[in-house]
């Protein structure tokens, strides 16, 4: 009985050791590294018969799976990059549109800065300044002309008043002299009348 148990235990130990060795061999048989390393490892672990490599199917399947995984990874990366490119292209178009809008707004602002609204009509600053200077010059000339006319009229008015005053003084002097002559003549006439009256009285007394 004891011998049977010992044999069973020994068999289990041998079986476990064999399975562990097989697992280690399978782990050692796995290809390592990237695709290039796995390919080189596949060739190194393959046997050669007259320049012909014999490859184990499990290793070939593992390499194929790694190759498919790499291809899928590359395809996924390509799709991701294409999505990024499309997103960036969309962002670039959006930025171009924004730049165009900003350029248009800048041109409108520049037009508003360079032009002024005069009576509802956009006029350039240069034209507005030229027009303002011309209008100011015309108004200055008109003001100068009217001032000269005023001075001339004022001078003529003063001279006319002076002449009028002189004429009035002459007229007043003439009236005064005429009045004095009239008074003198009236006195002389009265004296003559008095003389005539006296002569008449003397004649009547005789």
N, C-alpha and C. Protein backbone atom coordinates (compact mmCIF):
# COMPACT_ATOMS: atom_id res chain seq x y z
N UNK A 1 0.84 -1.21 0.00
CA UNK A 1 0.00 0.00 0.00
C UNK A 1 0.86 1.24 0.00
N UNK A 2 1.88 1.20 0.86
CA UNK A 2 2.79 2.34 0.93
C UNK A 2 3.56 2.48 -0.36
N UNK A 3 3.95 1.38 -0.95
CA UNK A 3 4.69 1.41 -2.22
C UNK A 3 3.82 1.97 -3.33
N UNK A 4 2.52 1.66 -3.30
CA UNK A 4 1.61 2.17 -4.33
C UNK A 4 1.46 3.68 -4.22
N UNK A 5 1.31 4.16 -3.01
CA UNK A 5 1.21 5.61 -2.79
C UNK A 5 2.47 6.32 -3.24
N UNK A 6 3.61 5.68 -2.97
CA UNK A 6 4.88 6.28 -3.35
C UNK A 6 4.98 6.38 -4.87
N UNK A 7 4.54 5.31 -5.55
CA UNK A 7 4.59 5.31 -7.00
C UNK A 7 3.67 6.37 -7.60
N UNK A 8 2.48 6.47 -6.99
CA UNK A 8 1.54 7.49 -7.49
C UNK A 8 2.10 8.89 -7.29
N UNK A 9 2.68 9.13 -6.13
CA UNK A 9 3.26 10.45 -5.85
C UNK A 9 4.41 10.73 -6.79
N UNK A 10 5.24 9.69 -7.04
CA UNK A 10 6.36 9.86 -7.95
C UNK A 10 5.88 10.14 -9.36
N UNK A 11 4.80 9.46 -9.77
CA UNK A 11 4.24 9.68 -11.11
C UNK A 11 3.70 11.10 -11.25
N UNK A 12 3.01 11.54 -10.19
CA UNK A 12 2.48 12.92 -10.22
C UNK A 12 3.61 13.93 -10.29
N UNK A 13 4.68 13.69 -9.55
CA UNK A 13 5.83 14.60 -9.55
C UNK A 13 6.47 14.65 -10.92
N UNK A 14 6.62 13.44 -11.53
CA UNK A 14 7.23 13.40 -12.87
C UNK A 14 6.34 14.11 -13.88
N UNK A 15 5.01 13.87 -13.77
CA UNK A 15 4.07 14.52 -14.70
C UNK A 15 4.10 16.03 -14.54
N UNK A 16 4.11 16.50 -13.31
CA UNK A 16 4.15 17.95 -13.05
C UNK A 16 5.43 18.57 -13.58
N UNK A 17 6.56 17.85 -13.37
CA UNK A 17 7.85 18.34 -13.85
C UNK A 17 7.86 18.39 -15.37
N UNK A 18 7.25 17.38 -16.01
CA UNK A 18 7.20 17.36 -17.47
C UNK A 18 6.36 18.49 -18.03
N UNK A 19 5.20 18.70 -17.38
CA UNK A 19 4.34 19.81 -17.84
C UNK A 19 5.04 21.15 -17.67
N UNK A 20 5.74 21.31 -16.56
CA UNK A 20 6.47 22.56 -16.32
C UNK A 20 7.55 22.76 -17.36
N UNK A 21 8.23 21.65 -17.71
CA UNK A 21 9.29 21.75 -18.73
C UNK A 21 8.71 22.10 -20.08
N UNK A 22 7.53 21.46 -20.40
CA UNK A 22 6.87 21.76 -21.69
C UNK A 22 6.45 23.22 -21.75
N UNK A 23 5.90 23.72 -20.60
CA UNK A 23 5.47 25.13 -20.56
C UNK A 23 6.65 26.06 -20.75
N UNK A 24 7.80 25.69 -20.10
CA UNK A 24 8.99 26.52 -20.26
C UNK A 24 9.48 26.49 -21.70
N UNK A 25 9.41 25.26 -22.32
CA UNK A 25 9.84 25.16 -23.73
C UNK A 25 8.95 25.99 -24.63
N UNK A 26 7.61 25.97 -24.33
CA UNK A 26 6.69 26.76 -25.15
C UNK A 26 6.96 28.25 -24.98
N UNK A 27 7.27 28.64 -23.72
CA UNK A 27 7.59 30.05 -23.50
C UNK A 27 8.86 30.43 -24.22
N UNK A 28 9.84 29.48 -24.23
CA UNK A 28 11.08 29.78 -24.95
C UNK A 28 10.85 29.81 -26.44
N UNK A 29 9.82 28.99 -26.91
CA UNK A 29 9.55 28.96 -28.34
C UNK A 29 8.86 30.23 -28.83
N UNK A 30 8.29 31.02 -27.92
CA UNK A 30 7.61 32.25 -28.34
C UNK A 30 8.60 33.21 -28.96
N UNK A 31 8.15 33.90 -30.03
CA UNK A 31 9.00 34.89 -30.70
C UNK A 31 9.00 36.18 -29.90
N UNK A 32 10.11 36.86 -29.88
CA UNK A 32 10.27 38.06 -29.07
C UNK A 32 10.63 39.25 -29.94
N UNK A 33 10.38 40.48 -29.41
CA UNK A 33 10.77 41.71 -30.08
C UNK A 33 9.71 42.18 -31.07
N UNK A 34 10.11 43.17 -31.90
CA UNK A 34 9.21 43.69 -32.91
C UNK A 34 9.15 42.73 -34.09
N UNK A 35 8.47 43.15 -35.17
CA UNK A 35 8.31 42.25 -36.31
C UNK A 35 9.65 41.82 -36.90
N UNK A 36 10.57 42.76 -36.99
CA UNK A 36 11.89 42.41 -37.53
C UNK A 36 12.59 41.42 -36.62
N UNK A 37 12.50 41.69 -35.30
CA UNK A 37 13.13 40.76 -34.35
C UNK A 37 12.45 39.40 -34.36
N UNK A 38 11.11 39.39 -34.46
CA UNK A 38 10.39 38.12 -34.51
C UNK A 38 10.74 37.35 -35.78
N UNK A 39 10.89 38.08 -36.90
CA UNK A 39 11.25 37.42 -38.16
C UNK A 39 12.64 36.79 -38.06
N UNK A 40 13.58 37.56 -37.52
CA UNK A 40 14.94 37.01 -37.36
C UNK A 40 14.93 35.84 -36.37
N UNK A 41 14.13 35.99 -35.29
CA UNK A 41 14.03 34.91 -34.31
C UNK A 41 13.40 33.66 -34.93
N UNK A 42 12.40 33.88 -35.81
CA UNK A 42 11.75 32.76 -36.50
C UNK A 42 12.74 32.01 -37.38
N UNK A 43 13.59 32.77 -38.08
CA UNK A 43 14.60 32.13 -38.93
C UNK A 43 15.66 31.41 -38.09
N UNK A 44 16.04 32.04 -36.98
CA UNK A 44 17.07 31.43 -36.14
C UNK A 44 16.60 30.13 -35.50
N UNK A 45 15.31 30.08 -35.12
CA UNK A 45 14.78 28.89 -34.45
C UNK A 45 14.28 27.84 -35.42
N UNK A 46 14.34 28.14 -36.72
CA UNK A 46 13.91 27.16 -37.72
C UNK A 46 15.10 26.30 -38.15
N UNK A 47 14.81 25.08 -38.53
CA UNK A 47 15.85 24.17 -38.98
C UNK A 47 16.05 24.30 -40.48
N UNK A 48 17.28 24.03 -40.92
CA UNK A 48 17.63 24.17 -42.32
C UNK A 48 17.94 22.80 -42.91
N UNK A 49 17.31 22.53 -44.03
CA UNK A 49 17.57 21.30 -44.78
C UNK A 49 17.84 21.67 -46.22
N UNK A 50 19.12 21.58 -46.59
CA UNK A 50 19.51 21.89 -47.98
C UNK A 50 19.00 23.28 -48.42
N UNK A 51 19.38 24.28 -47.68
CA UNK A 51 19.04 25.69 -47.93
C UNK A 51 17.54 25.96 -47.83
N UNK A 52 16.80 25.05 -47.25
CA UNK A 52 15.36 25.24 -47.07
C UNK A 52 15.07 25.31 -45.59
N UNK A 53 14.34 26.34 -45.17
CA UNK A 53 13.98 26.52 -43.78
C UNK A 53 12.66 25.84 -43.50
N UNK A 54 12.64 25.08 -42.45
CA UNK A 54 11.39 24.47 -42.00
C UNK A 54 10.93 25.23 -40.76
N UNK A 55 9.74 25.76 -40.84
CA UNK A 55 9.20 26.61 -39.78
C UNK A 55 8.06 25.89 -39.10
N UNK A 56 8.07 25.92 -37.78
CA UNK A 56 6.97 25.32 -37.03
C UNK A 56 5.70 26.14 -37.24
N UNK A 57 4.58 25.40 -37.35
CA UNK A 57 3.31 26.07 -37.64
C UNK A 57 2.89 27.00 -36.51
N UNK A 58 3.15 26.62 -35.26
CA UNK A 58 2.73 27.49 -34.16
C UNK A 58 3.51 28.79 -34.17
N UNK A 59 4.83 28.69 -34.51
CA UNK A 59 5.63 29.91 -34.59
C UNK A 59 5.17 30.77 -35.77
N UNK A 60 4.88 30.11 -36.90
CA UNK A 60 4.41 30.84 -38.06
C UNK A 60 3.06 31.51 -37.78
N UNK A 61 2.17 30.79 -37.07
CA UNK A 61 0.87 31.37 -36.71
C UNK A 61 1.06 32.55 -35.76
N UNK A 62 2.00 32.40 -34.82
CA UNK A 62 2.27 33.50 -33.88
C UNK A 62 2.81 34.73 -34.63
N UNK A 63 3.74 34.47 -35.59
CA UNK A 63 4.28 35.58 -36.38
C UNK A 63 3.19 36.23 -37.23
N UNK A 64 2.30 35.38 -37.81
CA UNK A 64 1.19 35.91 -38.61
C UNK A 64 0.27 36.77 -37.75
N UNK A 65 0.00 36.27 -36.51
CA UNK A 65 -0.85 37.05 -35.61
C UNK A 65 -0.20 38.38 -35.25
N UNK A 66 1.11 38.32 -34.99
CA UNK A 66 1.85 39.56 -34.69
C UNK A 66 1.82 40.51 -35.88
N UNK A 67 1.97 39.91 -37.10
CA UNK A 67 1.93 40.72 -38.31
C UNK A 67 0.55 41.37 -38.48
N UNK A 68 -0.51 40.57 -38.27
CA UNK A 68 -1.87 41.12 -38.38
C UNK A 68 -2.12 42.20 -37.32
N UNK A 69 -1.62 41.93 -36.10
CA UNK A 69 -1.78 42.94 -35.04
C UNK A 69 -1.07 44.23 -35.41
N UNK A 70 0.14 44.08 -35.98
CA UNK A 70 0.90 45.28 -36.39
C UNK A 70 0.18 46.02 -37.51
N UNK A 71 -0.35 45.22 -38.48
CA UNK A 71 -1.07 45.85 -39.60
C UNK A 71 -2.32 46.57 -39.08
N UNK A 72 -3.05 45.88 -38.18
CA UNK A 72 -4.25 46.51 -37.60
C UNK A 72 -3.88 47.77 -36.82
N UNK A 73 -2.74 47.67 -36.10
CA UNK A 73 -2.29 48.84 -35.33
C UNK A 73 -1.93 49.99 -36.27
N UNK A 74 -1.21 49.64 -37.38
CA UNK A 74 -0.86 50.67 -38.36
C UNK A 74 -2.11 51.26 -39.01
N UNK A 75 -3.07 50.37 -39.36
CA UNK A 75 -4.32 50.87 -39.96
C UNK A 75 -5.07 51.78 -38.99
N UNK A 76 -5.11 51.34 -37.72
CA UNK A 76 -5.77 52.17 -36.71
C UNK A 76 -5.07 53.51 -36.56
N UNK A 77 -3.73 53.45 -36.59
CA UNK A 77 -2.97 54.70 -36.48
C UNK A 77 -3.19 55.59 -37.70
N UNK A 78 -3.25 54.93 -38.89
CA UNK A 78 -3.50 55.70 -40.12
C UNK A 78 -4.88 56.35 -40.06
N UNK A 79 -5.89 55.56 -39.60
CA UNK A 79 -7.24 56.13 -39.47
C UNK A 79 -7.23 57.30 -38.48
N UNK A 80 -6.50 57.10 -37.38
CA UNK A 80 -6.43 58.17 -36.38
C UNK A 80 -5.75 59.41 -36.96
N UNK A 81 -4.65 59.17 -37.73
CA UNK A 81 -3.95 60.30 -38.34
C UNK A 81 -4.83 60.98 -39.39
N UNK A 82 -5.58 60.17 -40.17
CA UNK A 82 -6.49 60.76 -41.15
C UNK A 82 -7.57 61.58 -40.47
N UNK A 83 -8.06 61.07 -39.33
CA UNK A 83 -9.05 61.83 -38.57
C UNK A 83 -8.46 63.14 -38.06
N UNK A 84 -7.20 63.03 -37.58
CA UNK A 84 -6.51 64.25 -37.11
C UNK A 84 -6.30 65.22 -38.26
N UNK A 85 -5.91 64.66 -39.44
CA UNK A 85 -5.69 65.51 -40.62
C UNK A 85 -6.99 66.19 -41.04
N UNK A 86 -8.09 65.42 -41.04
CA UNK A 86 -9.38 66.01 -41.40
C UNK A 86 -9.78 67.09 -40.40
N UNK A 87 -9.54 66.79 -39.10
CA UNK A 87 -9.86 67.79 -38.08
C UNK A 87 -9.03 69.04 -38.26
N UNK A 88 -7.72 68.83 -38.52
CA UNK A 88 -6.84 69.99 -38.72
C UNK A 88 -7.20 70.73 -40.00
N UNK A 89 -7.59 69.97 -41.06
CA UNK A 89 -8.02 70.64 -42.30
C UNK A 89 -9.26 71.48 -42.05
N UNK A 90 -10.20 70.90 -41.27
CA UNK A 90 -11.41 71.67 -40.93
C UNK A 90 -11.06 72.90 -40.12
N UNK A 91 -10.13 72.73 -39.16
CA UNK A 91 -9.70 73.87 -38.35
C UNK A 91 -9.00 74.91 -39.22
N UNK A 92 -8.19 74.43 -40.20
CA UNK A 92 -7.49 75.36 -41.10
C UNK A 92 -8.50 76.14 -41.93
N UNK A 93 -9.54 75.43 -42.45
CA UNK A 93 -10.57 76.13 -43.22
C UNK A 93 -11.30 77.14 -42.36
N UNK A 94 -11.58 76.73 -41.10
CA UNK A 94 -12.24 77.66 -40.17
C UNK A 94 -11.36 78.87 -39.92
N UNK A 95 -10.05 78.62 -39.71
CA UNK A 95 -9.12 79.73 -39.49
C UNK A 95 -9.02 80.62 -40.72
N UNK A 96 -9.02 79.98 -41.92
CA UNK A 96 -8.99 80.78 -43.15
C UNK A 96 -10.23 81.67 -43.24
N UNK A 97 -11.39 81.08 -42.90
CA UNK A 97 -12.63 81.86 -42.92
C UNK A 97 -12.57 83.00 -41.91
N UNK A 98 -12.04 82.70 -40.72
CA UNK A 98 -11.90 83.75 -39.70
C UNK A 98 -10.93 84.83 -40.16
N UNK A 99 -9.82 84.39 -40.80
CA UNK A 99 -8.85 85.37 -41.31
C UNK A 99 -9.49 86.25 -42.38
N UNK A 100 -10.29 85.61 -43.27
CA UNK A 100 -10.97 86.38 -44.31
C UNK A 100 -11.95 87.37 -43.69
N UNK A 101 -12.70 86.92 -42.66
CA UNK A 101 -13.64 87.82 -41.99
C UNK A 101 -12.90 88.96 -41.30
N UNK A 102 -11.79 88.61 -40.62
CA UNK A 102 -11.01 89.65 -39.95
C UNK A 102 -10.42 90.63 -40.96
N UNK A 103 -9.97 90.09 -42.11
CA UNK A 103 -9.43 90.97 -43.15
C UNK A 103 -10.50 91.91 -43.67
N UNK A 104 -11.71 91.35 -43.90
CA UNK A 104 -12.82 92.18 -44.36
C UNK A 104 -13.19 93.24 -43.33
N UNK A 105 -13.25 92.82 -42.05
CA UNK A 105 -13.56 93.77 -40.98
C UNK A 105 -12.47 94.83 -40.88
N UNK A 106 -11.21 94.40 -41.04
CA UNK A 106 -10.10 95.35 -40.98
C UNK A 106 -10.19 96.36 -42.12
N UNK A 107 -10.54 95.86 -43.32
CA UNK A 107 -10.69 96.77 -44.46
C UNK A 107 -11.84 97.75 -44.22
N UNK A 108 -12.96 97.24 -43.65
CA UNK A 108 -14.08 98.13 -43.36
C UNK A 108 -13.69 99.18 -42.32
N UNK A 109 -12.97 98.73 -41.27
CA UNK A 109 -12.53 99.68 -40.25
C UNK A 109 -11.55 100.69 -40.84
N UNK A 110 -10.64 100.20 -41.72
CA UNK A 110 -9.68 101.11 -42.34
C UNK A 110 -10.40 102.12 -43.22
N UNK A 111 -11.46 101.63 -43.93
CA UNK A 111 -12.26 102.55 -44.75
C UNK A 111 -12.95 103.59 -43.88
N UNK A 112 -13.50 103.13 -42.73
CA UNK A 112 -14.16 104.07 -41.82
C UNK A 112 -13.15 105.05 -41.23
N UNK A 113 -11.93 104.55 -40.96
CA UNK A 113 -10.90 105.44 -40.40
C UNK A 113 -10.45 106.46 -41.45
N UNK A 114 -10.30 105.98 -42.71
CA UNK A 114 -9.81 106.86 -43.77
C UNK A 114 -10.89 107.78 -44.32
N UNK A 115 -12.16 107.48 -44.04
CA UNK A 115 -13.25 108.27 -44.60
C UNK A 115 -14.14 108.81 -43.48
N UNK A 116 -14.81 109.89 -43.80
CA UNK A 116 -15.76 110.52 -42.88
C UNK A 116 -17.11 110.62 -43.57
N UNK A 117 -18.16 110.60 -42.75
CA UNK A 117 -19.51 110.77 -43.28
C UNK A 117 -19.85 112.25 -43.29
N UNK A 118 -20.09 112.78 -44.49
CA UNK A 118 -20.45 114.19 -44.63
C UNK A 118 -21.77 114.26 -45.38
N UNK A 119 -22.82 114.67 -44.65
CA UNK A 119 -24.17 114.74 -45.22
C UNK A 119 -24.61 113.37 -45.73
N UNK A 120 -24.22 112.32 -44.97
CA UNK A 120 -24.60 110.96 -45.34
C UNK A 120 -23.79 110.37 -46.46
N UNK A 121 -22.75 111.08 -46.91
CA UNK A 121 -21.91 110.61 -48.01
C UNK A 121 -20.51 110.34 -47.47
N UNK A 122 -19.96 109.13 -47.73
CA UNK A 122 -18.59 108.86 -47.29
C UNK A 122 -17.58 109.69 -48.08
N UNK A 123 -16.76 110.43 -47.36
CA UNK A 123 -15.77 111.30 -47.98
C UNK A 123 -14.42 110.98 -47.36
N UNK A 124 -13.39 110.91 -48.20
CA UNK A 124 -12.05 110.65 -47.68
C UNK A 124 -11.59 111.81 -46.82
N UNK A 125 -10.71 111.49 -45.87
CA UNK A 125 -10.22 112.54 -44.98
C UNK A 125 -9.47 113.61 -45.76
N UNK A 126 -8.70 113.18 -46.76
CA UNK A 126 -7.95 114.16 -47.56
C UNK A 126 -8.90 115.10 -48.28
N UNK A 127 -9.94 114.51 -48.90
CA UNK A 127 -10.93 115.34 -49.59
C UNK A 127 -11.68 116.24 -48.64
N UNK A 128 -12.01 115.69 -47.44
CA UNK A 128 -12.73 116.50 -46.45
C UNK A 128 -11.87 117.66 -45.97
N UNK A 129 -10.58 117.38 -45.71
CA UNK A 129 -9.67 118.45 -45.25
C UNK A 129 -9.51 119.50 -46.35
N UNK A 130 -9.34 119.03 -47.61
CA UNK A 130 -9.20 119.97 -48.73
C UNK A 130 -10.45 120.83 -48.87
N UNK A 131 -11.62 120.17 -48.81
CA UNK A 131 -12.88 120.91 -48.91
C UNK A 131 -13.03 121.90 -47.76
N UNK A 132 -12.66 121.46 -46.54
CA UNK A 132 -12.77 122.35 -45.38
C UNK A 132 -11.85 123.55 -45.53
N UNK A 133 -10.60 123.31 -45.98
CA UNK A 133 -9.67 124.42 -46.17
C UNK A 133 -10.17 125.37 -47.25
N UNK A 134 -10.69 124.81 -48.35
CA UNK A 134 -11.21 125.65 -49.42
C UNK A 134 -12.40 126.47 -48.93
N UNK A 135 -13.31 125.81 -48.19
CA UNK A 135 -14.47 126.53 -47.65
C UNK A 135 -14.03 127.61 -46.67
N UNK A 136 -13.04 127.28 -45.84
CA UNK A 136 -12.53 128.27 -44.88
C UNK A 136 -11.90 129.46 -45.61
N UNK A 137 -11.15 129.15 -46.70
CA UNK A 137 -10.53 130.24 -47.46
C UNK A 137 -11.59 131.13 -48.10
N UNK A 138 -12.65 130.49 -48.66
CA UNK A 138 -13.73 131.28 -49.27
C UNK A 138 -14.43 132.14 -48.23
N UNK A 139 -14.72 131.53 -47.07
CA UNK A 139 -15.38 132.29 -46.00
C UNK A 139 -14.48 133.42 -45.50
N UNK A 140 -13.17 133.14 -45.42
CA UNK A 140 -12.24 134.18 -44.98
C UNK A 140 -12.21 135.33 -45.99
N UNK A 141 -12.20 134.99 -47.30
CA UNK A 141 -12.22 136.04 -48.33
C UNK A 141 -13.52 136.84 -48.26
N UNK A 142 -14.65 136.13 -48.10
CA UNK A 142 -15.93 136.84 -47.99
C UNK A 142 -15.96 137.72 -46.75
N UNK A 143 -15.44 137.18 -45.63
CA UNK A 143 -15.41 137.98 -44.41
C UNK A 143 -14.52 139.21 -44.59
N UNK A 144 -13.36 139.02 -45.26
CA UNK A 144 -12.48 140.16 -45.52
C UNK A 144 -13.15 141.18 -46.43
N UNK A 145 -13.86 140.68 -47.47
CA UNK A 145 -14.54 141.60 -48.38
C UNK A 145 -15.62 142.39 -47.66
N UNK A 146 -16.45 141.66 -46.87
CA UNK A 146 -17.51 142.36 -46.15
C UNK A 146 -16.95 143.32 -45.10
N UNK A 147 -15.82 142.94 -44.48
CA UNK A 147 -15.20 143.85 -43.51
C UNK A 147 -14.68 145.10 -44.21
N UNK A 148 -14.08 144.89 -45.40
CA UNK A 148 -13.60 146.06 -46.17
C UNK A 148 -14.77 146.93 -46.59
N UNK A 149 -15.87 146.28 -47.02
CA UNK A 149 -17.05 147.04 -47.38
C UNK A 149 -17.60 147.81 -46.18
N UNK A 150 -17.60 147.15 -45.02
CA UNK A 150 -18.08 147.82 -43.81
C UNK A 150 -17.19 149.01 -43.45
N UNK A 151 -15.87 148.79 -43.50
CA UNK A 151 -14.96 149.89 -43.19
C UNK A 151 -15.14 151.03 -44.18
N UNK A 152 -15.26 150.66 -45.46
CA UNK A 152 -15.43 151.69 -46.48
C UNK A 152 -16.75 152.43 -46.28
N UNK A 153 -17.83 151.67 -46.03
CA UNK A 153 -19.13 152.30 -45.79
C UNK A 153 -19.10 153.16 -44.54
N UNK A 154 -18.42 152.66 -43.51
CA UNK A 154 -18.32 153.43 -42.27
C UNK A 154 -17.55 154.73 -42.50
N UNK A 155 -16.46 154.61 -43.29
CA UNK A 155 -15.68 155.80 -43.59
C UNK A 155 -16.50 156.80 -44.41
N UNK A 156 -17.23 156.27 -45.41
CA UNK A 156 -18.06 157.14 -46.24
C UNK A 156 -19.18 157.76 -45.40
N UNK A 157 -19.73 156.95 -44.49
CA UNK A 157 -20.80 157.48 -43.63
C UNK A 157 -20.28 158.59 -42.73
N UNK A 158 -19.09 158.36 -42.15
CA UNK A 158 -18.51 159.39 -41.29
C UNK A 158 -18.23 160.66 -42.09
N UNK A 159 -17.69 160.47 -43.30
CA UNK A 159 -17.39 161.63 -44.13
C UNK A 159 -18.68 162.36 -44.53
N UNK A 160 -19.73 161.56 -44.84
CA UNK A 160 -21.01 162.18 -45.20
C UNK A 160 -21.60 162.93 -44.00
N UNK A 161 -21.50 162.31 -42.81
CA UNK A 161 -21.99 163.00 -41.61
C UNK A 161 -21.20 164.29 -41.36
N UNK A 162 -19.89 164.19 -41.58
CA UNK A 162 -19.05 165.38 -41.38
C UNK A 162 -19.44 166.49 -42.35
N UNK A 163 -19.63 166.09 -43.63
CA UNK A 163 -20.06 167.08 -44.63
C UNK A 163 -21.44 167.62 -44.30
N UNK A 164 -22.33 166.72 -43.83
CA UNK A 164 -23.68 167.17 -43.48
C UNK A 164 -23.64 168.15 -42.31
N UNK A 165 -22.82 167.83 -41.33
CA UNK A 165 -22.69 168.74 -40.19
C UNK A 165 -22.13 170.09 -40.63
N UNK A 166 -21.15 170.01 -41.55
CA UNK A 166 -20.59 171.27 -42.05
C UNK A 166 -21.64 172.07 -42.80
N UNK A 167 -22.43 171.39 -43.63
CA UNK A 167 -23.49 172.07 -44.37
C UNK A 167 -24.53 172.64 -43.42
N UNK A 168 -24.87 171.84 -42.38
CA UNK A 168 -25.84 172.33 -41.40
C UNK A 168 -25.30 173.56 -40.68
N UNK A 169 -23.99 173.51 -40.36
CA UNK A 169 -23.38 174.68 -39.71
C UNK A 169 -23.43 175.89 -40.65
N UNK A 170 -23.10 175.64 -41.92
CA UNK A 170 -23.15 176.75 -42.89
C UNK A 170 -24.58 177.28 -43.03
N UNK A 171 -25.54 176.34 -43.07
CA UNK A 171 -26.93 176.75 -43.20
C UNK A 171 -27.39 177.53 -41.97
N UNK A 172 -26.97 177.03 -40.80
CA UNK A 172 -27.32 177.73 -39.57
C UNK A 172 -26.70 179.12 -39.53
N UNK A 173 -25.45 179.20 -39.97
CA UNK A 173 -24.78 180.51 -40.02
C UNK A 173 -25.45 181.43 -41.02
N UNK A 174 -25.83 180.82 -42.18
CA UNK A 174 -26.52 181.62 -43.19
C UNK A 174 -27.86 182.11 -42.67
N UNK A 175 -28.61 181.23 -41.98
CA UNK A 175 -29.88 181.64 -41.41
C UNK A 175 -29.69 182.75 -40.38
N UNK A 176 -28.66 182.58 -39.56
CA UNK A 176 -28.42 183.59 -38.53
C UNK A 176 -28.07 184.94 -39.16
N UNK A 177 -27.22 184.88 -40.19
CA UNK A 177 -26.86 186.14 -40.85
C UNK A 177 -28.06 186.75 -41.58
N UNK A 178 -28.85 185.85 -42.18
CA UNK A 178 -30.06 186.35 -42.86
C UNK A 178 -31.02 186.98 -41.86
N UNK A 179 -31.15 186.30 -40.72
CA UNK A 179 -32.04 186.85 -39.69
C UNK A 179 -31.53 188.19 -39.18
N UNK A 180 -30.22 188.28 -39.00
CA UNK A 180 -29.65 189.55 -38.54
C UNK A 180 -29.87 190.65 -39.59
N UNK A 181 -29.70 190.26 -40.87
CA UNK A 181 -29.95 191.25 -41.93
C UNK A 181 -31.40 191.69 -41.95
N UNK A 182 -32.29 190.69 -41.77
CA UNK A 182 -33.72 191.03 -41.75
C UNK A 182 -34.03 191.98 -40.58
N UNK A 183 -33.43 191.64 -39.42
CA UNK A 183 -33.67 192.53 -38.26
C UNK A 183 -33.12 193.93 -38.53
N UNK A 184 -31.93 193.96 -39.13
CA UNK A 184 -31.33 195.27 -39.42
C UNK A 184 -32.17 196.06 -40.42
N UNK A 185 -32.64 195.31 -41.45
CA UNK A 185 -33.48 195.97 -42.46
C UNK A 185 -34.78 196.43 -41.84
N UNK A 186 -35.36 195.58 -40.96
CA UNK A 186 -36.61 195.96 -40.30
C UNK A 186 -36.38 197.20 -39.43
N UNK A 187 -35.26 197.26 -38.77
CA UNK A 187 -34.96 198.43 -37.95
C UNK A 187 -34.80 199.67 -38.82
N UNK A 188 -34.05 199.49 -39.91
CA UNK A 188 -33.86 200.64 -40.80
C UNK A 188 -35.20 201.09 -41.39
N UNK A 189 -36.03 200.08 -41.73
CA UNK A 189 -37.35 200.42 -42.27
C UNK A 189 -38.19 201.14 -41.22
N UNK A 190 -38.08 200.64 -39.99
CA UNK A 190 -38.84 201.30 -38.91
C UNK A 190 -38.32 202.72 -38.67
N UNK A 191 -37.02 202.86 -38.76
CA UNK A 191 -36.46 204.22 -38.62
C UNK A 191 -36.97 205.13 -39.74
N UNK A 192 -37.00 204.59 -40.94
CA UNK A 192 -37.50 205.38 -42.07
C UNK A 192 -38.97 205.74 -41.86
N UNK A 193 -39.72 204.78 -41.34
CA UNK A 193 -41.13 205.06 -41.07
C UNK A 193 -41.26 206.14 -39.99
N UNK A 194 -40.45 205.98 -38.98
CA UNK A 194 -40.51 206.99 -37.91
C UNK A 194 -40.14 208.39 -38.47
N UNK A 195 -39.15 208.41 -39.32
CA UNK A 195 -38.74 209.69 -39.92
C UNK A 195 -39.86 210.27 -40.77
N UNK A 196 -40.51 209.40 -41.52
CA UNK A 196 -41.62 209.85 -42.37
C UNK A 196 -42.76 210.37 -41.50
N UNK A 197 -43.04 209.64 -40.41
CA UNK A 197 -44.11 210.07 -39.52
C UNK A 197 -43.78 211.43 -38.90
N UNK A 198 -42.55 211.62 -38.53
CA UNK A 198 -42.17 212.92 -37.95
C UNK A 198 -42.31 214.04 -38.98
N UNK A 199 -41.89 213.73 -40.20
CA UNK A 199 -42.03 214.75 -41.25
C UNK A 199 -43.50 215.07 -41.50
N UNK A 200 -44.33 214.08 -41.47
CA UNK A 200 -45.75 214.31 -41.67
C UNK A 200 -46.33 215.17 -40.54
N UNK A 201 -45.89 214.86 -39.34
CA UNK A 201 -46.37 215.66 -38.21
C UNK A 201 -45.93 217.10 -38.34
N UNK A 202 -44.71 217.29 -38.73
CA UNK A 202 -44.21 218.67 -38.89
C UNK A 202 -44.98 219.40 -40.00
N UNK A 203 -45.25 218.71 -41.07
CA UNK A 203 -45.98 219.33 -42.16
C UNK A 203 -47.42 219.66 -41.75
N UNK A 204 -47.98 218.79 -40.98
CA UNK A 204 -49.36 219.03 -40.56
C UNK A 204 -49.43 220.18 -39.56
N UNK A 205 -48.43 220.42 -38.81
CA UNK A 205 -48.42 221.50 -37.85
C UNK A 205 -48.26 222.84 -38.57
N UNK A 206 -47.68 222.91 -39.67
CA UNK A 206 -47.53 224.14 -40.41
C UNK A 206 -48.85 224.48 -41.08
